Amino acid sequence: MTGPRLTVTAARSAADLDGTARIDASFTTSTIYKVERFPDGFRLVPQHLSQPVTKVYTWPGLAPHDGLLMARAAGTVIGFIEVVFDTWNGRARIEHLYVSARHRGVGAGRALLAAADARARAEPGMRCLWLETQNVNYPAIGFYRRAGFRLCGLDDTLYRPGDPGLLPGEVALYFTRDLPR
């Protein structure tokens, strides 16, 4: 990474969360994945759009805990990841992973994933990292695939039609990456 040194630490206090409100977690893309369904499966087909689409993410209030990790550059919060440990199935579920739009491409996302991976390995019984994203988030899907995640499923009923911020044809996609011991 060039520029200020990047650090990742657990959110320990409410003050640690102040910077999350200033993160621009939106993305714009001219390519999405169209979901083609078959009787016993599906496939993702890249589809170029005539007009780019933009999606803006928001998140509910966060509380400090050991699974909430903050990325900072020059003392400023530039991203965060939240990992929740599902002990019943040994899955470390990534609830949130956002890097401010102006700080993407400098390694913050990779650093946050590495920290979440290390945190999950330290938690007894965790066997994989698991996350949900959307077929319209072409940039994130590429990022997750480059980080070693594989597609493991979809849910075309997760999102309520007509919800604000929902893009046409939006489908939930699930990705996983093993945590070998």
N, C-alpha and C. Protein backbone atom coordinates (compact mmCIF):
# COMPACT_ATOMS: atom_id res chain seq x y z
N MET A 1 0.83 -1.18 0.00
CA MET A 1 0.00 0.00 0.00
C MET A 1 0.88 1.24 0.00
N THR A 2 0.49 2.19 -0.79
CA THR A 2 1.20 3.45 -0.77
C THR A 2 0.41 4.42 0.09
N GLY A 3 1.04 5.45 0.56
CA GLY A 3 0.35 6.41 1.41
C GLY A 3 0.44 6.03 2.87
N PRO A 4 -0.51 6.51 3.67
CA PRO A 4 -0.47 6.27 5.12
C PRO A 4 -0.55 4.78 5.44
N ARG A 5 0.09 4.41 6.53
CA ARG A 5 0.08 3.02 6.99
C ARG A 5 -1.34 2.60 7.36
N LEU A 6 -1.69 1.39 6.99
CA LEU A 6 -3.01 0.84 7.27
C LEU A 6 -2.93 -0.03 8.51
N THR A 7 -3.89 0.15 9.43
CA THR A 7 -3.97 -0.69 10.62
C THR A 7 -5.38 -1.25 10.72
N VAL A 8 -5.48 -2.45 11.29
CA VAL A 8 -6.78 -3.07 11.55
C VAL A 8 -6.80 -3.45 13.02
N THR A 9 -7.84 -2.96 13.72
CA THR A 9 -7.99 -3.25 15.14
C THR A 9 -9.45 -3.56 15.44
N ALA A 10 -9.68 -4.25 16.53
CA ALA A 10 -11.05 -4.52 16.97
C ALA A 10 -11.67 -3.24 17.52
N ALA A 11 -12.97 -3.08 17.29
CA ALA A 11 -13.71 -1.96 17.85
C ALA A 11 -13.95 -2.26 19.32
N ARG A 12 -13.40 -1.45 20.19
CA ARG A 12 -13.50 -1.69 21.63
C ARG A 12 -14.44 -0.73 22.35
N SER A 13 -14.74 0.41 21.70
CA SER A 13 -15.60 1.40 22.36
C SER A 13 -16.48 2.08 21.33
N ALA A 14 -17.48 2.81 21.82
CA ALA A 14 -18.36 3.55 20.92
C ALA A 14 -17.58 4.57 20.10
N ALA A 15 -16.52 5.12 20.67
CA ALA A 15 -15.70 6.10 19.95
C ALA A 15 -15.04 5.47 18.73
N ASP A 16 -14.75 4.16 18.81
CA ASP A 16 -14.17 3.46 17.66
C ASP A 16 -15.12 3.43 16.47
N LEU A 17 -16.42 3.57 16.74
CA LEU A 17 -17.42 3.46 15.68
C LEU A 17 -17.73 4.78 14.99
N ASP A 18 -17.25 5.88 15.54
CA ASP A 18 -17.59 7.20 14.99
C ASP A 18 -17.31 7.31 13.49
N GLY A 19 -16.21 6.77 13.05
CA GLY A 19 -15.82 6.91 11.64
C GLY A 19 -16.66 6.10 10.68
N THR A 20 -17.39 5.12 11.15
CA THR A 20 -18.16 4.29 10.22
C THR A 20 -19.26 5.09 9.52
N ALA A 21 -19.81 6.09 10.18
CA ALA A 21 -20.88 6.88 9.59
C ALA A 21 -20.41 7.69 8.38
N ARG A 22 -19.11 7.92 8.29
CA ARG A 22 -18.57 8.71 7.18
C ARG A 22 -18.09 7.86 6.01
N ILE A 23 -18.26 6.56 6.11
CA ILE A 23 -17.80 5.67 5.04
C ILE A 23 -18.79 5.70 3.89
N ASP A 24 -18.30 5.98 2.70
CA ASP A 24 -19.12 5.91 1.49
C ASP A 24 -19.03 4.48 0.98
N ALA A 25 -20.07 3.71 1.27
CA ALA A 25 -20.07 2.29 0.92
C ALA A 25 -20.81 2.02 -0.38
N SER A 26 -21.03 3.05 -1.18
CA SER A 26 -21.73 2.87 -2.45
C SER A 26 -20.79 2.27 -3.49
N PHE A 27 -21.40 1.76 -4.55
CA PHE A 27 -20.62 1.35 -5.71
C PHE A 27 -21.43 1.65 -6.96
N THR A 28 -20.73 1.83 -8.06
CA THR A 28 -21.33 2.01 -9.37
C THR A 28 -20.72 0.98 -10.30
N THR A 29 -21.56 0.36 -11.11
CA THR A 29 -21.06 -0.65 -12.03
C THR A 29 -21.85 -0.62 -13.34
N SER A 30 -21.19 -0.99 -14.41
CA SER A 30 -21.83 -1.13 -15.72
C SER A 30 -22.03 -2.60 -16.05
N THR A 31 -21.61 -3.48 -15.14
CA THR A 31 -21.76 -4.91 -15.34
C THR A 31 -22.37 -5.52 -14.10
N ILE A 32 -23.31 -6.42 -14.28
CA ILE A 32 -23.89 -7.19 -13.19
C ILE A 32 -23.87 -8.65 -13.60
N TYR A 33 -24.24 -9.53 -12.68
CA TYR A 33 -24.44 -10.93 -13.04
C TYR A 33 -25.93 -11.19 -13.16
N LYS A 34 -26.32 -11.66 -14.33
CA LYS A 34 -27.69 -12.11 -14.53
C LYS A 34 -27.74 -13.55 -14.03
N VAL A 35 -28.79 -13.87 -13.27
CA VAL A 35 -28.95 -15.23 -12.75
C VAL A 35 -29.82 -16.01 -13.73
N GLU A 36 -29.24 -17.03 -14.34
CA GLU A 36 -30.00 -17.93 -15.20
C GLU A 36 -30.33 -19.17 -14.39
N ARG A 37 -31.62 -19.49 -14.32
CA ARG A 37 -32.09 -20.62 -13.52
C ARG A 37 -32.37 -21.83 -14.40
N PHE A 38 -32.12 -22.99 -13.84
CA PHE A 38 -32.39 -24.27 -14.47
C PHE A 38 -33.17 -25.11 -13.46
N PRO A 39 -33.80 -26.20 -13.87
CA PRO A 39 -34.57 -27.00 -12.92
C PRO A 39 -33.77 -27.42 -11.68
N ASP A 40 -32.50 -27.72 -11.85
CA ASP A 40 -31.69 -28.18 -10.71
C ASP A 40 -30.49 -27.30 -10.43
N GLY A 41 -30.56 -26.04 -10.80
CA GLY A 41 -29.41 -25.19 -10.54
C GLY A 41 -29.54 -23.82 -11.17
N PHE A 42 -28.40 -23.16 -11.29
CA PHE A 42 -28.35 -21.80 -11.82
C PHE A 42 -26.93 -21.54 -12.28
N ARG A 43 -26.79 -20.46 -13.02
CA ARG A 43 -25.45 -19.97 -13.34
C ARG A 43 -25.50 -18.46 -13.40
N LEU A 44 -24.35 -17.86 -13.22
CA LEU A 44 -24.22 -16.42 -13.27
C LEU A 44 -23.59 -16.05 -14.61
N VAL A 45 -24.22 -15.13 -15.30
CA VAL A 45 -23.74 -14.69 -16.61
C VAL A 45 -23.49 -13.19 -16.55
N PRO A 46 -22.25 -12.76 -16.80
CA PRO A 46 -22.00 -11.31 -16.80
C PRO A 46 -22.88 -10.63 -17.85
N GLN A 47 -23.46 -9.50 -17.46
CA GLN A 47 -24.32 -8.75 -18.36
C GLN A 47 -23.90 -7.29 -18.31
N HIS A 48 -23.53 -6.74 -19.47
CA HIS A 48 -23.16 -5.32 -19.55
C HIS A 48 -24.45 -4.51 -19.63
N LEU A 49 -24.51 -3.44 -18.86
CA LEU A 49 -25.69 -2.57 -18.82
C LEU A 49 -25.50 -1.37 -19.74
N SER A 50 -26.57 -0.90 -20.33
CA SER A 50 -26.48 0.29 -21.19
C SER A 50 -26.22 1.55 -20.36
N GLN A 51 -26.70 1.54 -19.12
CA GLN A 51 -26.47 2.65 -18.19
C GLN A 51 -25.94 2.08 -16.89
N PRO A 52 -24.91 2.68 -16.32
CA PRO A 52 -24.40 2.19 -15.02
C PRO A 52 -25.47 2.31 -13.94
N VAL A 53 -25.37 1.43 -12.95
CA VAL A 53 -26.24 1.48 -11.77
C VAL A 53 -25.39 1.77 -10.54
N THR A 54 -26.00 2.44 -9.59
CA THR A 54 -25.33 2.75 -8.32
C THR A 54 -26.18 2.20 -7.19
N LYS A 55 -25.52 1.60 -6.23
CA LYS A 55 -26.19 1.10 -5.04
C LYS A 55 -25.50 1.73 -3.83
N VAL A 56 -26.31 2.16 -2.87
CA VAL A 56 -25.80 2.75 -1.64
C VAL A 56 -26.19 1.83 -0.49
N TYR A 57 -25.22 1.44 0.29
CA TYR A 57 -25.46 0.58 1.44
C TYR A 57 -25.57 1.41 2.71
N THR A 58 -26.42 0.96 3.59
CA THR A 58 -26.49 1.50 4.95
C THR A 58 -26.47 0.31 5.89
N TRP A 59 -26.16 0.55 7.12
CA TRP A 59 -26.12 -0.54 8.10
C TRP A 59 -26.74 -0.03 9.40
N PRO A 60 -27.28 -0.98 10.16
CA PRO A 60 -27.88 -0.58 11.44
C PRO A 60 -26.78 -0.19 12.43
N GLY A 61 -27.20 0.36 13.55
CA GLY A 61 -26.23 0.72 14.58
C GLY A 61 -25.34 -0.45 14.94
N LEU A 62 -24.08 -0.18 15.05
CA LEU A 62 -23.10 -1.21 15.40
C LEU A 62 -22.73 -1.07 16.87
N ALA A 63 -22.37 -2.18 17.47
CA ALA A 63 -21.89 -2.17 18.85
C ALA A 63 -20.49 -2.76 18.86
N PRO A 64 -19.59 -2.21 19.67
CA PRO A 64 -18.24 -2.75 19.74
C PRO A 64 -18.24 -4.21 20.21
N HIS A 65 -17.45 -5.03 19.56
CA HIS A 65 -17.22 -6.41 20.00
C HIS A 65 -15.98 -6.94 19.28
N ASP A 66 -15.48 -8.09 19.72
CA ASP A 66 -14.23 -8.62 19.19
C ASP A 66 -14.30 -8.98 17.71
N GLY A 67 -15.51 -9.18 17.17
CA GLY A 67 -15.66 -9.53 15.77
C GLY A 67 -15.87 -8.33 14.86
N LEU A 68 -15.87 -7.14 15.42
CA LEU A 68 -16.01 -5.92 14.62
C LEU A 68 -14.64 -5.29 14.49
N LEU A 69 -14.11 -5.29 13.29
CA LEU A 69 -12.74 -4.86 13.05
C LEU A 69 -12.75 -3.63 12.16
N MET A 70 -11.93 -2.65 12.54
CA MET A 70 -11.88 -1.37 11.85
C MET A 70 -10.54 -1.21 11.14
N ALA A 71 -10.59 -0.75 9.89
CA ALA A 71 -9.37 -0.41 9.14
C ALA A 71 -9.20 1.10 9.20
N ARG A 72 -7.98 1.52 9.52
CA ARG A 72 -7.67 2.94 9.60
C ARG A 72 -6.43 3.25 8.78
N ALA A 73 -6.45 4.43 8.20
CA ALA A 73 -5.26 4.98 7.53
C ALA A 73 -5.10 6.40 8.08
N ALA A 74 -3.92 6.70 8.57
CA ALA A 74 -3.64 8.02 9.18
C ALA A 74 -4.68 8.36 10.24
N GLY A 75 -5.12 7.34 11.01
CA GLY A 75 -6.05 7.55 12.10
C GLY A 75 -7.51 7.65 11.70
N THR A 76 -7.80 7.65 10.41
CA THR A 76 -9.17 7.77 9.91
C THR A 76 -9.73 6.39 9.58
N VAL A 77 -10.96 6.11 10.03
CA VAL A 77 -11.61 4.85 9.70
C VAL A 77 -11.95 4.88 8.22
N ILE A 78 -11.42 3.89 7.47
CA ILE A 78 -11.67 3.81 6.04
C ILE A 78 -12.47 2.56 5.67
N GLY A 79 -12.70 1.69 6.65
CA GLY A 79 -13.48 0.49 6.37
C GLY A 79 -13.67 -0.33 7.63
N PHE A 80 -14.59 -1.30 7.52
CA PHE A 80 -14.79 -2.20 8.65
C PHE A 80 -15.38 -3.51 8.16
N ILE A 81 -15.21 -4.53 8.99
CA ILE A 81 -15.77 -5.85 8.74
C ILE A 81 -16.36 -6.33 10.07
N GLU A 82 -17.50 -6.99 9.96
CA GLU A 82 -18.09 -7.58 11.17
C GLU A 82 -18.25 -9.07 10.92
N VAL A 83 -17.69 -9.86 11.82
CA VAL A 83 -17.80 -11.30 11.72
C VAL A 83 -18.52 -11.81 12.97
N VAL A 84 -19.49 -12.68 12.73
CA VAL A 84 -20.31 -13.25 13.80
C VAL A 84 -20.08 -14.76 13.78
N PHE A 85 -19.94 -15.35 14.94
CA PHE A 85 -19.60 -16.76 15.03
C PHE A 85 -20.83 -17.60 15.30
N ASP A 86 -21.20 -18.40 14.31
CA ASP A 86 -22.34 -19.32 14.43
C ASP A 86 -21.81 -20.65 14.94
N THR A 87 -21.88 -20.84 16.24
CA THR A 87 -21.29 -22.05 16.84
C THR A 87 -22.04 -23.32 16.46
N TRP A 88 -23.32 -23.22 16.15
CA TRP A 88 -24.10 -24.42 15.84
C TRP A 88 -23.61 -25.10 14.56
N ASN A 89 -23.05 -24.33 13.60
CA ASN A 89 -22.57 -24.96 12.38
C ASN A 89 -21.11 -24.64 12.07
N GLY A 90 -20.45 -23.94 12.96
CA GLY A 90 -19.02 -23.66 12.78
C GLY A 90 -18.72 -22.69 11.66
N ARG A 91 -19.65 -21.79 11.40
CA ARG A 91 -19.47 -20.84 10.31
C ARG A 91 -19.21 -19.45 10.90
N ALA A 92 -18.15 -18.80 10.43
CA ALA A 92 -17.87 -17.41 10.77
C ALA A 92 -18.52 -16.57 9.68
N ARG A 93 -19.61 -15.94 10.03
CA ARG A 93 -20.46 -15.22 9.07
C ARG A 93 -20.04 -13.76 9.01
N ILE A 94 -19.66 -13.30 7.83
CA ILE A 94 -19.32 -11.89 7.63
C ILE A 94 -20.62 -11.14 7.39
N GLU A 95 -20.97 -10.30 8.33
CA GLU A 95 -22.20 -9.52 8.24
C GLU A 95 -21.99 -8.24 7.45
N HIS A 96 -20.87 -7.62 7.60
CA HIS A 96 -20.58 -6.36 6.92
C HIS A 96 -19.12 -6.36 6.49
N LEU A 97 -18.87 -5.86 5.31
CA LEU A 97 -17.51 -5.55 4.85
C LEU A 97 -17.63 -4.36 3.92
N TYR A 98 -17.20 -3.22 4.41
CA TYR A 98 -17.27 -1.99 3.63
C TYR A 98 -15.93 -1.28 3.70
N VAL A 99 -15.51 -0.79 2.56
CA VAL A 99 -14.34 0.09 2.47
C VAL A 99 -14.82 1.34 1.74
N SER A 100 -14.48 2.48 2.29
CA SER A 100 -14.88 3.75 1.69
C SER A 100 -14.45 3.79 0.22
N ALA A 101 -15.33 4.26 -0.63
CA ALA A 101 -15.09 4.27 -2.08
C ALA A 101 -13.75 4.90 -2.44
N ARG A 102 -13.38 5.97 -1.79
CA ARG A 102 -12.13 6.65 -2.15
C ARG A 102 -10.87 5.92 -1.66
N HIS A 103 -11.04 4.88 -0.83
CA HIS A 103 -9.89 4.13 -0.32
C HIS A 103 -9.82 2.70 -0.88
N ARG A 104 -10.65 2.39 -1.85
CA ARG A 104 -10.61 1.04 -2.43
C ARG A 104 -9.37 0.90 -3.30
N GLY A 105 -8.87 -0.33 -3.34
CA GLY A 105 -7.71 -0.62 -4.18
C GLY A 105 -6.38 -0.42 -3.50
N VAL A 106 -6.37 -0.11 -2.20
CA VAL A 106 -5.10 0.09 -1.49
C VAL A 106 -4.81 -1.02 -0.49
N GLY A 107 -5.66 -2.06 -0.47
CA GLY A 107 -5.41 -3.20 0.40
C GLY A 107 -6.24 -3.26 1.66
N ALA A 108 -7.13 -2.31 1.88
CA ALA A 108 -7.93 -2.30 3.10
C ALA A 108 -8.88 -3.50 3.15
N GLY A 109 -9.53 -3.83 2.06
CA GLY A 109 -10.43 -4.98 2.02
C GLY A 109 -9.68 -6.28 2.31
N ARG A 110 -8.52 -6.45 1.68
CA ARG A 110 -7.70 -7.65 1.92
C ARG A 110 -7.25 -7.71 3.37
N ALA A 111 -6.86 -6.56 3.93
CA ALA A 111 -6.41 -6.53 5.33
C ALA A 111 -7.56 -6.86 6.28
N LEU A 112 -8.75 -6.35 5.99
CA LEU A 112 -9.91 -6.66 6.82
C LEU A 112 -10.26 -8.14 6.74
N LEU A 113 -10.24 -8.72 5.53
CA LEU A 113 -10.51 -10.16 5.40
C LEU A 113 -9.47 -10.99 6.12
N ALA A 114 -8.20 -10.60 6.02
CA ALA A 114 -7.13 -11.34 6.71
C ALA A 114 -7.34 -11.28 8.22
N ALA A 115 -7.73 -10.12 8.73
CA ALA A 115 -7.97 -9.99 10.18
C ALA A 115 -9.17 -10.82 10.61
N ALA A 116 -10.24 -10.82 9.79
CA ALA A 116 -11.42 -11.64 10.10
C ALA A 116 -11.08 -13.12 10.05
N ASP A 117 -10.26 -13.50 9.09
CA ASP A 117 -9.82 -14.89 8.97
C ASP A 117 -9.05 -15.31 10.22
N ALA A 118 -8.11 -14.46 10.65
CA ALA A 118 -7.31 -14.76 11.85
C ALA A 118 -8.20 -14.84 13.08
N ARG A 119 -9.15 -13.92 13.18
CA ARG A 119 -10.07 -13.92 14.33
C ARG A 119 -10.92 -15.19 14.32
N ALA A 120 -11.40 -15.61 13.15
CA ALA A 120 -12.22 -16.82 13.05
C ALA A 120 -11.41 -18.07 13.38
N ARG A 121 -10.15 -18.11 12.97
CA ARG A 121 -9.30 -19.27 13.28
C ARG A 121 -9.06 -19.38 14.78
N ALA A 122 -9.07 -18.26 15.46
CA ALA A 122 -8.85 -18.27 16.91
C ALA A 122 -10.11 -18.69 17.68
N GLU A 123 -11.24 -18.67 17.03
CA GLU A 123 -12.52 -19.04 17.66
C GLU A 123 -12.71 -20.55 17.54
N PRO A 124 -12.88 -21.26 18.66
CA PRO A 124 -13.02 -22.72 18.60
C PRO A 124 -14.17 -23.17 17.69
N GLY A 125 -13.88 -24.15 16.86
CA GLY A 125 -14.90 -24.80 16.05
C GLY A 125 -15.26 -24.14 14.74
N MET A 126 -14.66 -23.00 14.41
CA MET A 126 -15.00 -22.35 13.15
C MET A 126 -14.32 -23.08 11.99
N ARG A 127 -15.09 -23.36 10.95
CA ARG A 127 -14.56 -24.12 9.82
C ARG A 127 -14.53 -23.35 8.50
N CYS A 128 -15.27 -22.21 8.43
CA CYS A 128 -15.28 -21.45 7.18
C CYS A 128 -15.73 -20.02 7.44
N LEU A 129 -15.35 -19.14 6.50
CA LEU A 129 -15.92 -17.80 6.43
C LEU A 129 -17.06 -17.87 5.43
N TRP A 130 -18.14 -17.17 5.69
CA TRP A 130 -19.32 -17.22 4.82
C TRP A 130 -19.89 -15.81 4.73
N LEU A 131 -20.40 -15.43 3.55
CA LEU A 131 -20.95 -14.10 3.39
C LEU A 131 -22.03 -14.08 2.33
N GLU A 132 -22.80 -13.00 2.36
CA GLU A 132 -23.84 -12.75 1.37
C GLU A 132 -23.53 -11.45 0.66
N THR A 133 -23.72 -11.44 -0.65
CA THR A 133 -23.67 -10.22 -1.44
C THR A 133 -24.75 -10.33 -2.51
N GLN A 134 -24.76 -9.43 -3.45
CA GLN A 134 -25.82 -9.42 -4.44
C GLN A 134 -25.26 -9.62 -5.85
N ASN A 135 -26.08 -10.19 -6.71
CA ASN A 135 -25.67 -10.41 -8.10
C ASN A 135 -25.35 -9.10 -8.82
N VAL A 136 -25.88 -7.99 -8.34
CA VAL A 136 -25.60 -6.70 -8.96
C VAL A 136 -24.27 -6.10 -8.50
N ASN A 137 -23.67 -6.67 -7.46
CA ASN A 137 -22.42 -6.13 -6.93
C ASN A 137 -21.23 -6.83 -7.61
N TYR A 138 -21.12 -6.59 -8.89
CA TYR A 138 -20.07 -7.20 -9.71
C TYR A 138 -18.67 -6.93 -9.14
N PRO A 139 -18.37 -5.69 -8.71
CA PRO A 139 -17.02 -5.46 -8.15
C PRO A 139 -16.74 -6.31 -6.91
N ALA A 140 -17.70 -6.44 -6.00
CA ALA A 140 -17.48 -7.22 -4.79
C ALA A 140 -17.32 -8.70 -5.11
N ILE A 141 -18.10 -9.21 -6.04
CA ILE A 141 -17.98 -10.63 -6.41
C ILE A 141 -16.58 -10.92 -6.93
N GLY A 142 -16.06 -10.04 -7.77
CA GLY A 142 -14.68 -10.21 -8.25
C GLY A 142 -13.69 -10.18 -7.11
N PHE A 143 -13.86 -9.26 -6.17
CA PHE A 143 -12.98 -9.17 -5.01
C PHE A 143 -13.02 -10.45 -4.19
N TYR A 144 -14.22 -10.96 -3.90
CA TYR A 144 -14.33 -12.18 -3.10
C TYR A 144 -13.72 -13.38 -3.81
N ARG A 145 -13.95 -13.48 -5.10
CA ARG A 145 -13.36 -14.60 -5.85
C ARG A 145 -11.83 -14.52 -5.83
N ARG A 146 -11.27 -13.34 -6.02
CA ARG A 146 -9.81 -13.19 -5.97
C ARG A 146 -9.27 -13.52 -4.58
N ALA A 147 -10.11 -13.34 -3.55
CA ALA A 147 -9.71 -13.63 -2.16
C ALA A 147 -9.92 -15.10 -1.81
N GLY A 148 -10.30 -15.93 -2.77
CA GLY A 148 -10.41 -17.36 -2.52
C GLY A 148 -11.80 -17.85 -2.14
N PHE A 149 -12.80 -17.00 -2.22
CA PHE A 149 -14.16 -17.43 -1.92
C PHE A 149 -14.76 -18.11 -3.14
N ARG A 150 -15.67 -19.04 -2.86
CA ARG A 150 -16.39 -19.72 -3.95
C ARG A 150 -17.88 -19.55 -3.73
N LEU A 151 -18.61 -19.47 -4.81
CA LEU A 151 -20.05 -19.36 -4.77
C LEU A 151 -20.62 -20.65 -4.18
N CYS A 152 -21.52 -20.52 -3.21
CA CYS A 152 -22.10 -21.72 -2.61
C CYS A 152 -23.62 -21.70 -2.59
N GLY A 153 -24.24 -20.65 -3.13
CA GLY A 153 -25.69 -20.66 -3.18
C GLY A 153 -26.29 -19.31 -3.51
N LEU A 154 -27.63 -19.31 -3.63
CA LEU A 154 -28.36 -18.08 -3.87
C LEU A 154 -29.73 -18.17 -3.22
N ASP A 155 -30.33 -17.01 -3.03
CA ASP A 155 -31.69 -16.93 -2.51
C ASP A 155 -32.38 -15.82 -3.28
N ASP A 156 -33.34 -16.19 -4.13
CA ASP A 156 -34.04 -15.17 -4.91
C ASP A 156 -35.28 -14.64 -4.20
N THR A 157 -35.46 -14.99 -2.93
CA THR A 157 -36.58 -14.47 -2.14
C THR A 157 -36.12 -13.69 -0.91
N LEU A 158 -34.83 -13.49 -0.73
CA LEU A 158 -34.33 -12.82 0.47
C LEU A 158 -34.77 -11.36 0.54
N TYR A 159 -34.71 -10.66 -0.57
CA TYR A 159 -35.01 -9.24 -0.57
C TYR A 159 -36.48 -9.02 -0.91
N ARG A 160 -37.09 -8.11 -0.16
CA ARG A 160 -38.50 -7.78 -0.37
C ARG A 160 -38.64 -6.86 -1.59
N PRO A 161 -39.39 -7.28 -2.60
CA PRO A 161 -39.58 -6.42 -3.78
C PRO A 161 -40.13 -5.06 -3.37
N GLY A 162 -39.60 -4.02 -4.00
CA GLY A 162 -40.06 -2.67 -3.72
C GLY A 162 -39.33 -1.98 -2.59
N ASP A 163 -38.44 -2.69 -1.87
CA ASP A 163 -37.69 -2.02 -0.81
C ASP A 163 -36.81 -0.92 -1.42
N PRO A 164 -36.71 0.23 -0.74
CA PRO A 164 -35.85 1.30 -1.25
C PRO A 164 -34.41 0.80 -1.37
N GLY A 165 -33.76 1.18 -2.42
CA GLY A 165 -32.37 0.80 -2.62
C GLY A 165 -32.18 -0.52 -3.34
N LEU A 166 -33.26 -1.26 -3.53
CA LEU A 166 -33.18 -2.54 -4.23
C LEU A 166 -33.11 -2.27 -5.73
N LEU A 167 -32.17 -2.90 -6.39
CA LEU A 167 -32.06 -2.75 -7.84
C LEU A 167 -32.88 -3.83 -8.52
N PRO A 168 -33.36 -3.58 -9.73
CA PRO A 168 -34.16 -4.58 -10.44
C PRO A 168 -33.40 -5.89 -10.61
N GLY A 169 -34.07 -6.99 -10.32
CA GLY A 169 -33.47 -8.31 -10.49
C GLY A 169 -32.45 -8.70 -9.45
N GLU A 170 -32.40 -7.98 -8.34
CA GLU A 170 -31.39 -8.23 -7.31
C GLU A 170 -31.65 -9.56 -6.59
N VAL A 171 -30.61 -10.38 -6.50
CA VAL A 171 -30.68 -11.71 -5.91
C VAL A 171 -29.52 -11.85 -4.93
N ALA A 172 -29.77 -12.50 -3.80
CA ALA A 172 -28.72 -12.75 -2.81
C ALA A 172 -27.84 -13.91 -3.26
N LEU A 173 -26.53 -13.69 -3.22
CA LEU A 173 -25.55 -14.74 -3.52
C LEU A 173 -24.74 -15.00 -2.26
N TYR A 174 -24.38 -16.27 -2.06
CA TYR A 174 -23.61 -16.68 -0.88
C TYR A 174 -22.27 -17.24 -1.31
N PHE A 175 -21.24 -16.83 -0.60
CA PHE A 175 -19.87 -17.26 -0.87
C PHE A 175 -19.25 -17.81 0.41
N THR A 176 -18.32 -18.74 0.26
CA THR A 176 -17.64 -19.31 1.41
C THR A 176 -16.15 -19.53 1.09
N ARG A 177 -15.37 -19.59 2.15
CA ARG A 177 -13.95 -19.92 2.06
C ARG A 177 -13.60 -20.74 3.29
N ASP A 178 -12.98 -21.90 3.07
CA ASP A 178 -12.62 -22.78 4.18
C ASP A 178 -11.57 -22.13 5.08
N LEU A 179 -11.60 -22.53 6.33
CA LEU A 179 -10.60 -22.12 7.32
C LEU A 179 -9.82 -23.36 7.72
N PRO A 180 -8.86 -23.78 6.90
CA PRO A 180 -8.11 -24.99 7.28
C PRO A 180 -7.33 -24.75 8.56
N ARG A 181 -7.25 -25.80 9.35
CA ARG A 181 -6.53 -25.71 10.63
C ARG A 181 -5.10 -26.10 10.46
